[in-house]
Protein backbone atom coordinates (compact mmCIF):
# COMPACT_ATOMS: atom_id res chain seq x y z
CA MET A 1 -59.60 -7.94 10.13
CA SER A 2 -56.20 -7.92 8.48
CA ARG A 3 -54.19 -5.14 6.82
CA HIS A 4 -51.28 -5.75 4.49
CA LEU A 5 -49.42 -4.33 1.53
CA THR A 6 -50.29 -5.62 -1.92
CA TRP A 7 -48.02 -6.98 -4.62
CA ARG A 8 -47.96 -3.56 -6.27
CA PHE A 9 -46.20 -2.06 -3.27
CA TRP A 10 -43.53 -4.74 -3.35
CA LEU A 11 -43.18 -4.36 -7.12
CA TYR A 12 -42.57 -0.65 -6.80
CA SER A 13 -40.16 -1.28 -3.94
CA GLY A 14 -38.26 -3.79 -6.06
CA ILE A 15 -38.02 -1.31 -8.90
CA SER A 16 -36.75 1.34 -6.47
CA ALA A 17 -34.11 -1.06 -5.13
CA ALA A 18 -33.01 -1.88 -8.66
CA LEU A 19 -32.73 1.82 -9.51
CA PHE A 20 -30.75 2.39 -6.34
CA ILE A 21 -28.27 -0.29 -7.31
CA ILE A 22 -27.97 1.11 -10.81
CA ALA A 23 -27.58 4.68 -9.53
CA SER A 24 -24.97 3.71 -6.96
CA SER A 25 -22.83 2.15 -9.66
CA SER A 26 -22.94 5.28 -11.83
CA ARG A 27 -20.18 7.95 -11.84
CA ASP A 28 -22.45 10.96 -11.31
CA GLY A 29 -22.38 13.13 -8.22
CA GLU A 30 -23.36 11.66 -4.89
CA ALA A 31 -26.45 13.88 -4.41
CA THR A 32 -27.76 13.07 -7.86
CA VAL A 33 -27.27 9.36 -7.28
CA TRP A 34 -29.22 9.37 -4.03
CA PHE A 35 -31.98 11.51 -5.49
CA ILE A 36 -32.50 9.29 -8.51
CA ALA A 37 -32.34 6.09 -6.47
CA LEU A 38 -34.59 7.02 -3.58
CA SER A 39 -37.17 9.20 -5.32
CA PRO A 40 -39.36 6.27 -6.59
CA PHE A 41 -39.38 4.67 -3.15
CA VAL A 42 -40.26 7.97 -1.48
CA VAL A 43 -43.08 8.48 -3.97
CA VAL A 44 -44.49 5.01 -3.22
CA VAL A 45 -44.46 5.55 0.54
CA THR A 46 -45.96 9.02 0.16
CA LEU A 47 -48.80 7.76 -2.00
CA SER A 48 -49.56 4.98 0.48
CA VAL A 49 -49.77 7.47 3.34
CA LEU A 50 -51.90 9.92 1.38
CA SER A 51 -54.32 7.15 0.39
CA ARG A 52 -55.13 6.51 4.08
CA TRP A 53 -54.80 2.76 3.76
CA TRP A 54 -55.68 2.30 7.43
CA VAL A 55 -59.27 3.53 6.94
CA SER A 56 -61.73 0.60 7.24
CA LEU A 57 -65.36 0.16 6.29
CA GLU A 58 -68.20 -0.26 8.79
CA VAL A 59 -71.21 -2.45 7.99
CA GLU A 60 -74.16 -0.73 9.62
CA ARG A 61 -76.95 -3.16 8.81
CA VAL A 62 -77.89 -6.11 6.59
CA THR A 63 -81.61 -6.47 5.81
CA LEU A 64 -83.74 -8.87 3.76
CA SER A 65 -86.58 -7.79 1.49
CA ARG A 66 -88.80 -10.64 2.75
CA LEU A 67 -88.75 -12.97 5.73
CA ARG A 68 -90.91 -15.79 4.30
CA LEU A 69 -90.67 -17.25 0.83
CA ILE A 70 -91.71 -20.25 -1.23
CA GLU A 71 -89.21 -22.41 -3.07
CA GLY A 72 -88.17 -20.68 -6.29
CA ASP A 73 -88.85 -17.11 -5.11
CA GLU A 74 -86.25 -14.37 -5.37
CA LEU A 75 -84.86 -12.45 -2.41
CA SER A 76 -83.03 -9.12 -2.19
CA ILE A 77 -80.31 -8.57 0.40
CA PHE A 78 -79.44 -4.97 1.26
CA VAL A 79 -76.10 -4.07 2.83
CA GLU A 80 -75.76 -0.61 4.38
CA VAL A 81 -72.14 0.49 4.87
CA ARG A 82 -70.48 3.61 6.22
CA CYS A 83 -66.96 5.03 6.04
CA ALA A 84 -65.55 8.12 7.74
CA ARG A 85 -63.54 9.11 4.65
CA PRO A 86 -63.85 8.22 0.97
CA ILE A 87 -62.46 4.84 -0.03
CA ALA A 88 -61.39 4.51 -3.64
CA ILE A 89 -61.91 0.76 -4.10
CA VAL A 90 -64.34 -1.34 -2.05
CA GLU A 91 -65.02 -4.97 -2.89
CA LEU A 92 -68.09 -6.57 -1.29
CA GLU A 93 -68.57 -10.31 -1.71
CA MET A 94 -71.53 -12.26 -0.32
CA GLN A 95 -71.14 -15.95 0.53
CA TYR A 96 -74.30 -18.05 0.17
CA PRO A 97 -75.25 -21.59 1.20
CA ALA A 98 -75.90 -24.19 -1.49
CA SER A 99 -79.66 -23.61 -1.29
CA MET A 100 -79.33 -19.96 -2.41
CA VAL A 101 -78.43 -19.29 -6.05
CA PRO A 102 -77.14 -15.80 -6.99
CA VAL A 103 -79.24 -13.86 -9.49
CA SER A 104 -77.03 -10.76 -9.48
CA PRO A 105 -73.21 -10.96 -9.21
CA PRO A 106 -72.21 -11.94 -5.66
CA ARG A 107 -69.19 -9.59 -5.85
CA VAL A 108 -69.54 -5.82 -6.20
CA ILE A 109 -66.61 -3.39 -6.67
CA GLN A 110 -67.24 0.35 -6.34
CA ARG A 111 -66.11 3.59 -4.73
CA ILE A 112 -67.80 4.49 -1.44
CA ASP A 113 -67.98 7.94 0.09
CA GLY A 114 -69.92 8.21 3.35
CA ASP A 115 -73.10 6.11 3.61
CA SER A 116 -73.96 3.69 0.84
CA ARG A 117 -76.38 0.84 0.16
CA VAL A 118 -75.52 -2.24 -1.90
CA ARG A 119 -78.06 -4.77 -3.19
CA PHE A 120 -77.62 -8.49 -3.85
CA ASP A 121 -80.32 -10.66 -5.47
CA VAL A 122 -80.62 -14.42 -4.93
CA ARG A 123 -83.11 -17.21 -5.61
CA VAL A 124 -83.95 -19.78 -2.93
CA GLU A 125 -83.99 -23.37 -4.16
CA LYS A 126 -84.71 -25.43 -1.03
CA TRP A 127 -87.11 -25.19 1.89
CA GLY A 128 -85.89 -24.55 5.40
CA VAL A 129 -84.49 -21.75 7.54
CA ILE A 130 -81.57 -20.36 5.54
CA GLY A 131 -79.68 -17.13 4.96
CA PRO A 132 -76.39 -15.63 3.73
CA GLU A 133 -73.37 -16.87 5.63
CA PHE A 134 -70.62 -14.22 5.41
CA LEU A 135 -69.94 -10.81 3.93
CA ASN A 136 -66.32 -10.33 2.84
CA VAL A 137 -65.18 -6.71 2.55
CA VAL A 138 -61.87 -5.71 0.92
CA THR A 139 -60.87 -2.02 0.80
CA ARG A 140 -57.93 -0.70 -1.26
CA ASP A 141 -56.38 2.70 -1.83
CA ARG A 142 -56.63 4.33 -5.23
CA PHE A 143 -53.19 3.07 -6.24
CA GLY A 144 -53.79 -0.48 -5.03
CA LEU A 145 -50.74 -0.42 -2.76
CA SER A 146 -52.47 -1.62 0.42
CA GLU A 147 -55.68 -3.39 1.34
CA THR A 148 -57.79 -4.20 4.38
CA ILE A 149 -59.72 -7.48 4.57
CA GLN A 150 -62.76 -7.86 6.84
CA GLN A 151 -65.23 -10.74 7.23
CA PHE A 152 -68.64 -10.23 8.83
CA PRO A 153 -70.72 -13.28 9.85
CA LEU A 154 -74.40 -12.75 9.05
CA SER A 155 -77.27 -13.93 11.24
CA ASN A 156 -80.14 -12.93 8.93
CA ARG A 157 -82.46 -15.84 8.21
CA VAL A 158 -85.40 -16.34 5.89
CA HIS A 159 -88.05 -19.06 6.22
CA VAL A 160 -88.54 -20.86 2.92
CA HIS A 161 -91.74 -22.89 2.63
CA PRO A 162 -92.26 -25.84 0.33
CA PRO A 163 -95.34 -25.46 -1.91
CA THR A 164 -98.42 -26.47 0.08
CA GLU A 165 -102.04 -26.98 -0.89
CA ARG A 166 -105.19 -25.73 0.79
CA ILE A 167 -106.71 -28.84 2.35
CA GLN A 168 -110.48 -28.98 2.83
CA SER A 169 -111.13 -32.52 4.10
CA MET A 170 -110.24 -33.58 7.60
CA VAL A 171 -109.89 -36.90 9.39
CA LYS A 172 -112.62 -37.38 11.97
CA ALA A 173 -111.44 -37.33 15.55
CA ALA A 174 -112.37 -40.19 17.87
CA GLN A 175 -112.47 -37.90 20.93
CA THR A 176 -113.08 -34.17 21.27
CA ARG A 177 -112.78 -31.48 23.89
CA SER A 178 -115.39 -29.01 25.12
CA ALA A 179 -114.74 -26.27 22.57
CA ILE A 180 -116.56 -25.27 19.41
CA GLY A 181 -115.05 -26.74 16.26
CA ASP A 182 -115.80 -28.84 13.17
CA HIS A 183 -115.62 -32.36 14.63
CA ARG A 184 -118.90 -34.14 15.28
CA SER A 185 -119.10 -35.39 18.84
CA THR A 186 -121.40 -37.89 20.51
CA ALA A 187 -122.71 -35.19 22.84
CA ARG A 188 -126.12 -33.62 22.13
CA GLY A 189 -126.61 -29.90 21.77
CA PRO A 190 -126.35 -27.09 19.21
CA GLY A 191 -124.92 -28.40 15.96
CA MET A 192 -125.50 -29.07 12.28
CA GLU A 193 -125.87 -32.86 12.04
CA LEU A 194 -129.13 -34.50 13.14
CA ALA A 195 -128.78 -37.12 15.88
CA GLU A 196 -132.39 -38.27 16.46
CA VAL A 197 -136.00 -37.15 16.67
CA ARG A 198 -137.73 -37.87 19.98
CA ASN A 199 -140.72 -36.87 22.06
CA TYR A 200 -140.54 -33.75 24.15
CA ASN A 201 -139.47 -34.30 27.75
CA PRO A 202 -140.75 -31.92 30.44
CA SER A 203 -137.16 -31.37 31.54
CA ASP A 204 -136.22 -30.08 28.06
CA PRO A 205 -136.17 -26.32 27.41
CA VAL A 206 -139.18 -25.14 25.45
CA ARG A 207 -136.94 -23.62 22.77
CA LEU A 208 -135.89 -27.14 21.71
CA ILE A 209 -139.40 -27.98 20.43
CA HIS A 210 -139.35 -28.40 16.64
CA ALA A 211 -142.43 -26.59 15.31
CA MET A 212 -142.84 -28.39 11.96
CA LEU A 213 -142.32 -31.87 13.41
CA SER A 214 -144.71 -31.13 16.26
CA LEU A 215 -147.45 -29.99 13.83
CA ARG A 216 -146.95 -33.05 11.67
CA ARG A 217 -147.15 -35.56 14.53
CA GLY A 218 -149.64 -33.70 16.68
CA GLU A 219 -147.46 -33.69 19.79
CA PRO A 220 -144.34 -31.81 20.94
CA MET A 221 -141.22 -33.21 19.26
CA VAL A 222 -137.54 -32.44 19.72
CA ALA A 223 -134.78 -32.83 17.09
CA ASP A 224 -131.49 -33.57 18.83
CA ARG A 225 -128.25 -32.70 17.06
CA HIS A 226 -124.62 -33.61 17.49
CA THR A 227 -122.50 -30.77 18.80
CA ASP A 228 -119.53 -29.64 16.73
CA GLN A 229 -116.46 -29.59 18.92
CA ALA A 230 -112.73 -29.15 18.55
CA THR A 231 -109.89 -31.47 19.43
CA ASP A 232 -106.15 -31.49 20.03
CA VAL A 233 -104.05 -32.59 17.06
CA ILE A 234 -100.43 -33.68 17.35
CA LEU A 235 -98.47 -33.65 14.09
CA PHE A 236 -95.92 -36.44 14.39
CA ILE A 237 -93.06 -35.76 11.96
CA ASP A 238 -90.70 -38.50 10.78
CA ALA A 239 -87.24 -36.97 10.38
CA VAL A 240 -85.31 -40.16 11.14
CA GLN A 241 -84.49 -40.73 7.47
CA ASP A 242 -84.69 -38.69 4.29
CA VAL A 243 -84.85 -40.62 1.03
CA GLY A 244 -84.59 -38.91 -2.33
CA GLU A 245 -83.11 -35.82 -3.88
CA THR A 246 -83.35 -32.28 -2.53
CA LEU A 247 -86.61 -31.28 -4.23
CA ASP A 248 -88.07 -34.79 -4.26
CA SER A 249 -87.27 -36.16 -0.83
CA THR A 250 -89.54 -37.80 1.72
CA LEU A 251 -88.74 -35.19 4.38
CA ARG A 252 -89.72 -32.33 2.06
CA SER A 253 -93.03 -34.05 1.26
CA THR A 254 -93.57 -34.70 4.97
CA VAL A 255 -93.07 -31.04 5.90
CA ALA A 256 -95.28 -29.82 3.04
CA ALA A 257 -98.14 -32.14 4.03
CA ALA A 258 -97.79 -31.30 7.74
CA THR A 259 -97.94 -27.58 6.98
CA GLY A 260 -101.18 -28.02 5.02
CA LEU A 261 -102.70 -30.16 7.78
CA GLN A 262 -101.78 -27.58 10.40
CA GLU A 263 -103.53 -24.82 8.46
CA ARG A 264 -106.66 -26.97 7.98
CA HIS A 265 -107.01 -27.85 11.66
CA PHE A 266 -106.40 -24.25 12.69
CA ARG A 267 -109.39 -23.25 10.56
CA SER A 268 -111.42 -25.80 12.54
CA MET A 269 -110.35 -24.24 15.85
CA ASP A 270 -108.26 -27.29 16.74
CA ARG A 271 -105.21 -26.85 18.89
CA VAL A 272 -102.14 -28.19 17.07
CA GLY A 273 -98.86 -29.42 18.52
CA ILE A 274 -95.65 -30.82 17.03
CA LEU A 275 -93.77 -34.01 17.83
CA ASP A 276 -90.60 -34.23 15.75
CA ARG A 277 -88.67 -37.49 15.83
CA SER A 278 -85.14 -37.79 14.49
CA THR A 279 -82.22 -39.00 16.59
CA GLY A 280 -83.72 -36.68 19.20
CA VAL A 281 -87.25 -35.59 20.08
CA ARG A 282 -88.71 -32.10 19.82
CA TRP A 283 -92.03 -31.50 21.56
CA LEU A 284 -94.27 -28.47 21.05
CA PRO A 285 -97.49 -28.55 23.15
CA PRO A 286 -100.83 -27.96 21.37
CA ALA A 287 -101.79 -24.32 20.96
CA LEU A 288 -104.10 -22.15 18.88
CA GLY A 289 -103.68 -18.69 17.38
CA ARG A 290 -101.56 -16.75 14.92
CA ARG A 291 -98.46 -16.79 17.11
CA ALA A 292 -98.76 -20.55 17.62
CA GLY A 293 -99.13 -20.98 13.86
CA HIS A 294 -95.87 -19.16 13.18
CA ILE A 295 -94.06 -21.19 15.82
CA ILE A 296 -95.38 -24.46 14.37
CA VAL A 297 -94.40 -23.55 10.81
CA ASP A 298 -90.94 -22.45 11.93
CA THR A 299 -90.53 -25.73 13.80
CA LEU A 300 -91.52 -27.70 10.70
CA LEU A 301 -89.13 -25.74 8.48
CA SER A 302 -86.24 -26.41 10.86
CA ALA A 303 -86.79 -30.19 10.75
CA ARG A 304 -83.56 -31.91 9.77
CA VAL A 305 -82.23 -35.44 9.68
CA MET A 306 -79.62 -35.61 12.44
CA GLN A 307 -76.52 -37.74 12.34
CA ASP A 308 -76.46 -41.13 13.99
CA ARG A 309 -75.85 -40.99 17.70
CA ARG A 310 -74.54 -43.62 20.04
CA GLY A 311 -76.53 -45.07 22.88
CA ASP A 312 -80.27 -45.33 23.36
CA LEU A 313 -82.53 -42.89 21.57
CA PRO A 314 -84.66 -40.58 23.75
CA THR A 315 -88.28 -41.59 24.18
CA ILE A 316 -91.25 -39.43 23.28
CA PRO A 317 -92.87 -37.55 26.21
CA MET A 318 -95.87 -39.81 26.82
CA GLU A 319 -96.79 -38.04 30.06
CA SER A 320 -97.22 -34.72 28.22
CA LEU A 321 -99.67 -36.11 25.64
CA ASP A 322 -103.38 -35.86 26.36
CA GLY A 323 -105.16 -39.17 25.83
CA ARG A 324 -107.88 -37.41 23.79
CA SER A 325 -105.38 -36.01 21.28
CA LEU A 326 -105.47 -37.11 17.66
CA ILE A 327 -102.01 -38.18 16.47
CA LEU A 328 -101.52 -37.31 12.79
CA ALA A 329 -98.25 -38.89 11.68
CA VAL A 330 -96.63 -38.12 8.33
CA SER A 331 -94.00 -40.68 7.41
CA PRO A 332 -92.72 -43.01 4.66
CA LEU A 333 -92.55 -45.76 7.33
CA TYR A 334 -88.97 -46.69 6.51
CA SER A 335 -87.76 -46.43 10.10
CA GLU A 336 -88.31 -49.10 12.72
CA VAL A 337 -87.84 -46.44 15.42
CA PHE A 338 -90.72 -44.33 14.13
CA THR A 339 -93.01 -47.33 13.70
CA SER A 340 -92.28 -48.43 17.27
CA ASP A 341 -93.21 -44.95 18.48
CA LEU A 342 -96.55 -45.18 16.65
CA ALA A 343 -97.24 -48.60 18.13
CA GLN A 344 -96.41 -47.32 21.60
CA LEU A 345 -98.76 -44.36 21.19
CA ARG A 346 -101.58 -46.64 20.06
CA ARG A 347 -101.07 -49.07 22.95
CA ARG A 348 -101.41 -46.15 25.36
CA GLY A 349 -104.86 -45.39 23.94
CA HIS A 350 -104.15 -42.54 21.51
CA SER A 351 -106.01 -42.22 18.22
CA VAL A 352 -103.37 -42.52 15.49
CA VAL A 353 -103.64 -41.76 11.77
CA VAL A 354 -100.64 -42.16 9.44
CA LEU A 355 -100.31 -40.31 6.15
CA LEU A 356 -97.98 -42.71 4.35
CA VAL A 357 -95.56 -40.89 2.02
CA GLN A 358 -95.04 -43.34 -0.83
CA ARG A 359 -91.96 -42.85 -2.93
CA GLN A 360 -90.29 -45.19 -5.37
CA LEU A 361 -86.63 -45.98 -4.85
CA ASP A 362 -84.08 -44.54 -7.23
CA THR A 363 -83.61 -46.35 -10.51
CA GLY A 364 -80.07 -47.17 -9.45
CA ALA A 365 -81.27 -49.38 -6.59
CA SER A 366 -80.94 -53.11 -7.07
CA ALA A 367 -83.89 -55.47 -7.37
CA ILE A 368 -83.07 -56.98 -3.97
CA ALA A 369 -83.08 -53.55 -2.32
CA ARG A 370 -86.44 -52.75 -3.90
CA ARG A 371 -87.94 -56.01 -2.72
CA VAL A 372 -86.59 -55.63 0.83
CA THR A 373 -87.96 -52.08 1.01
CA ARG A 374 -91.37 -53.17 -0.27
CA ILE A 375 -91.60 -56.09 2.17
CA THR A 376 -90.48 -53.92 5.10
CA ASN A 377 -93.00 -51.24 4.23
CA GLU A 378 -95.85 -53.74 3.93
CA TRP A 379 -94.89 -55.33 7.24
CA GLN A 380 -94.90 -51.93 8.94
CA LYS A 381 -98.38 -51.19 7.60
CA ARG A 382 -99.72 -54.59 8.70
CA ARG A 383 -98.22 -54.14 12.13
CA LEU A 384 -99.93 -50.77 12.59
CA ALA A 385 -103.22 -51.98 11.11
CA GLU A 386 -103.34 -54.78 13.69
CA LEU A 387 -103.18 -52.13 16.41
CA GLY A 388 -106.06 -50.13 14.92
CA VAL A 389 -103.96 -47.42 13.27
CA VAL A 390 -105.46 -45.89 10.11
CA VAL A 391 -102.86 -45.78 7.31
CA LEU A 392 -103.62 -43.50 4.34
CA PRO A 393 -101.23 -44.03 1.38
CA TRP A 394 -100.29 -40.79 -0.38
CA ASP A 395 -98.26 -40.23 -3.53
CA PRO A 396 -96.35 -36.92 -3.12
CA SER A 397 -96.67 -36.24 -6.86
CA GLY A 398 -100.40 -35.62 -6.26
CA PRO A 399 -102.39 -33.54 -3.75
CA VAL A 400 -103.29 -34.69 -0.24
CA GLU A 401 -106.94 -33.65 -0.51
CA PRO A 402 -108.20 -36.72 -2.47
CA VAL A 403 -106.58 -39.06 0.06
CA LEU A 404 -108.28 -37.40 3.03
CA GLN A 405 -111.57 -37.05 1.17
CA LYS A 406 -111.58 -40.75 0.32
CA ALA A 407 -110.95 -41.62 3.96
CA VAL A 408 -113.80 -39.36 5.10
CA LEU A 409 -116.26 -40.79 2.56
CA ALA A 410 -115.27 -44.33 3.54
CA GLY A 411 -115.97 -43.49 7.17
CA GLN A 412 -112.44 -44.28 8.31
CA ARG A 413 -112.05 -43.11 11.88
CA PRO A 414 -109.10 -43.80 14.20
CA MET A 415 -109.81 -46.04 17.15
CA GLY A 416 -109.93 -44.41 20.56
CA GLY A 417 -108.99 -46.14 23.79
CA ARG A 418 -106.61 -49.00 24.26
CA GLY A 419 -108.77 -51.60 22.55
CA SER A 420 -107.61 -55.13 21.89
CA ILE A 421 -104.73 -56.20 19.72
CA ARG A 422 -105.63 -58.78 17.11
CA GLN A 423 -103.32 -61.55 16.08
CA PRO A 424 -101.57 -60.77 12.78
CA ALA A 425 -102.80 -62.59 9.71
CA ALA A 426 -100.61 -64.91 7.72
CA SER A 427 -98.08 -63.07 5.62
CA GLY A 428 -98.69 -63.03 1.89
CA PHE A 429 -95.25 -61.80 0.81
CA ARG A 430 -93.75 -63.33 -2.25
């Protein structure tokens, strides 16, 4: 906080000094000279004291109308202020990050007496965890002779989601855990999908006898079914690189797809965890429930491409990953680091599925850059395919649902176990 006198005070003081010089050079009486010369200066000082220029404004609370938004939504910011005595001129200015566009004027000038509430309206343009940065408060007396400047850092944050779709299809898990869910397992028991019809065994419970089949065949028959179980899903997020503009970048598409996948697997009673790879590694163990869902979404929204760091990159926590977990990676496969992580996970026996975010390079890129990118991307896909990784190409301009549905209808299932690594086929690049 800083207090100082404004240019008006110094202007009036200069005028008083000029009058004093003029009055002192006059031939009138001494008392009259001093009265004429000093009266303007005395008036200025008196007005400054009477205006209580030392009185400051207190910001009681800053609140947001909503805590979660979607890109393009509007947000209201309410500032509650208090002053012990009336302040003639109060200027409130809100400073926003680049991802928040003001709808109402960011600067408000008004008179405040006691408690008051000021409203600012903004529109959020980019996903992430964002919020207003600073609130600048300038108070002046009614004559504008003095002012007090205060700056309040704001910690209010709002979670802005990219537009997501409601996904219905789901990649089949190679391994499940003993919990009820939507994944068909190899185990026999209560379920929806028929496994086989067999003769009744004396060790079977009587309730398993199928009445209609038994009447048709003339002997007790049992219809076995596959149990529907849940699994652990690890969403592997590629934040090593971000290609594209703000609203059309690979990282934005990655976060949007991962959010939709998380919601779909939660509806299937799957536990979901997060593995975020940039120049560091963030690990969130699999969990289920509303609280876990909020934590996962907040983790996805805070994903950022970090600056290059020197030295070796940290490795992913292999010891913390259950071998039965399904690894769902969302990536454009531009990074050698991320592809190496996927290969390492597959070699350790994890089931890995990659949702490949396909995005064309900018029109300003050269033909050589386009060709190098295409060849690198194809080589990454071939490398993962040789290890048994399922790669599902996805164009971010369209929904994810058709891609997953096509994979389900085609019977694509990630390989479980370590398996064998085939020799790569001859390259067909041109």
